[in-house]
C-alpha cells in the first residue's frame, strides 16, 4: 500500500484527483457482462461521468472493457481469453485509467482475470518411441516430454499417470520454476525374448473442475547390449545473447559423453521444449550440439529462455540438461508519447498551474535505456510537471496574453538515456481565448482640428481613431460624445460623433466672431463585458472668413445733422484735416484695412493715408478753393475677396463760421423740407393701416365670441396651452472696438446768427449743422485727437 499512497499525494500536488479500484472476473465472460459499478466504487455520481466526458485510456490497442456512462458501470467489450492475454503469467490483470475532464481527474482500474478450466493438458507429440537395451539396469531413467496446460493455478497440470506399470514406474520431479520433469524408471529388467515391444499410455491430468486430461502413447522397442547412457558435462548451461542478434548467431554448445563404443556411443542432440516459441527461436545441431538462432530475440517480449536438451545414443539411453539463455537489452525502442487528455483552447486569464494536457510516456527498454526525460521549449509560458512514474502534466507557468501570442505550438520532446539516445516528440497546438483586458487606445493623446466659419451643418470635420488590442467583440470600438457644455450650450448642439467610424460632424454653422474655439471629450468604448473605455480631448478651432465689411467709426454718418471738418485757408501743406477711423471684426489679414480717396471735389488739395486713414492737405490752400469740399473715402480690407465701406467727409475751407454757414444753408433747408414731407406721408399711411387692422380684429373677435357662446353647452372647456415662438438672440457681434462717440451741442431758439462758444486751442475743429433748427451751430473743440483718445465720449443732444 505504500506505492499507491505516494501516487495519491503526488497527484494532489498538481490539483487533480486520483484513485484506484480493483475487480476480479473470470475469463470467457459474454460480451456486455457486468464487471463492476465504477461510479459507486469511486464515489462518483453518474452525471459526473457524463459531464466530465469519462473515457477509458489504455496503453495498448485492444480494449476489452468498456464504460457505460449512463449507468456508471464497466462492461465486457470483447471476449477475454486469459491464455491469449497473459499466457503463463499470473496474476493476469488488465490495467487502464478512467479520465474525466473539467476538472481533470483520472483513476486507475485493475481488472484481474480469473482462470477457468477451459484447456485440457496436451502433449506435443501423440506418440513417442524408445529403444531400450535389454541390458538396461533397474533404475534406469528415461525422460519423457511434459504435457502443456495453458490454464494456471488449480486448473494447471496436476499429475501424470502411466499404465501399465509392469516394467516401468513414473517419477515426477518438481522444478523451482514450477514445472514438472517426468521420467520413466525401469523397475523390472526387460527381456527382448519375452516381449520385443511394449506399449504404454502416459496420461496428464489437471486439477480443474471438471477435470480434464491428455494422453501420449509410449512405444518401447527392446534392444540388445547398450548398458551406458549419455552424460552431459553440465546439468545447467548458461549463455547470453544480445537482442536483435542476426539469425545464425551461435548461442552455446552442449556436450554429452557415452562410455560405450561404436554405434552405441553415437549420440544425437534434441530440444525437448514443448513451447513453440523456443523451437521457433533456437535450434540445435543433432551431431555437434551447437545451438544457434533461427528467429528474432526481443528483450521486450522475453528476457530469458530455458531450453531443455536431450542427448540420446543409438541404444536409446538418454540424458537431459537445460540451457538458460539471457537476452541482453539494447536501446532499440523510442519513447512512446501518449496523450491522455488535452485542451485545445485556454483562456488568457487562466490561473497559474492550470493543467492543459496530461501525457503518458512509455519506453519498452529497461535500465538506462528505459529511463526517459521529457522537456519543452524555453520560450513558452508552460512547464512539464511529473506526477508519477512516466506521467506528465503540461501546466501554465506564467500569465498568458493573447495580444502577445494568440497561439502556441508546444513541442514535447522525450529522450531516453541509452547510448545512442533515442527520442520522439509530439507537437500540441493551443489556442489562447481572448478576454476583454485592453481598453481602446486613441492614436493621439489629444486632437486639434480646424473648420472654416460659415460651414454647412453636417460637414465632416475630421475623424478620431482608437484601436483595441483585443479580438472580435472585445475589439469592436464605439465612439461616444461625452456630455459637456460650451458657453452654457450642450456640446451636442455643436458637433456629433459617428458611433461606428468616429467621424466628427458639425451640427451647426459656426461664426468666428461669435466663437473662436471650443473643446470636448470623446469616449471610445469596446464591446466587451464589462466594457472598457478611454477618453481623448478634441479641440476645434474656427478659422475666420472675410464675411464682415469694415465699419467706419469716425466720422459718424448722421441722418439728421451734417458734419463738416473746418480747414482754415492759412493751412499749410500736410495739414491734418481729420482721420477716418474704421475697424473690421474679422481677424488676421481679413482685418488689415487700407484707405483710398475715391472721389473728391478737388483731388489736388487732399490725400488719404493708405494705412492710417489720415486726410491731409497736399498743397497750400488758396482763396480760389471752394468753401465746400466733399471727399468720398473707401475703406477696404485685405480678405479674399475683399470687402469695403465708403464714408463721405465734408470739409469746409473757411476762416470763419458765418462764411461756412452761408454755403451750407440751402442744402440743409432743402433737405429739411424733403425729410418733413416724407415723414408726414409715412405717418399718414401708418395711421390708416392701423385703423383698418383694428376694425378687422374687432369684427373677428366679436364673431368668435358669439360662436363660442353658442357651443358652450356642447363642448367642455379644455385648457389652452399658448405657443411661444423660440427667441433668437442676435449673434452678430458689434466688432472688437466698441466705442461710443457722443456729441454735445448747445443751441438757442433764434436764428442762425447766434454766437458759438469756443474752448481752448485744439488740434481739430468739427462743424455740426442741424436742419431742424434755424441754423444754430456749435463749434466743439476737442481736447485731443480721436486716435489719441478713442474712448472720449461725444454726446448728441
Foldseek 3Di string as FASTA:
>chain_A
DVVVVQLQVLVVVLPAGEEEEEFEDAAQDDFFAFGFQQCVVVVHDLVQCVQQVKFKAAPDDDDQWGADSNRNTITGHDGGDQCVQPFADPFAWGWIWIWGVPPTYIYIYIYTYAYALPWAWEFLAQEDEFFAELPADFFAKDWDFDTFTRTDDQSGWDDKDKPDPPFWDKDWDQDPVRDITIIITGHDGDDCVVPQKDKMKMKIWGRHVVIHIYIHIYIYGYHHDQHWAKAKPDQEAEFEDEFQDDFFAWTDATDIFTPDDDQQGQKFKFWRDSDVVVVCFWGAHGRGRTITGNDGGDCLVPQKDKTKMWMAGPNRHIDIHIYIYGYDYALPWAKDKDWPDADQEDELADDFSRFGTKIAIFTSTDDQSGAKDKFKDDPAQWTWDARDVRIITITGNDGGDCLVPQKDWIKMKMWTRGVVIHIDIDTHIHGYDWALPWAWAWPDQAAEWEDEAPDDFFAFTAFTDTFTSTDDQSGQKFKDWDWDDDPNHTCVCAWGAGGRGRTITGHDGHACLQPFKDKGKMKIWGRHVVIHIDIYMYMYGYAYALPWAKDWPPPDDDDFKDKAWEAELQDAFFQFRAFTDIFTQTDDQSTQKFKFWDDKPDPQFWGAHGRGRTITGHHRRDPPDAQWMKTKMKMWTRGVVIHIDIDIHIYGYHDDVVVVLVVCVVVLQVVVVVVVVVVVVVVVVVVVVVVVVVVVVVVVVVVVVVVCVVCPVPDPDDDDDDDDDDDDDDSDDPHDDDEAAAADWDFDQDALVDDEDEDDDASTWMWMFGSVGRNHIYIYGDHYGCVVPVRDYHRDD
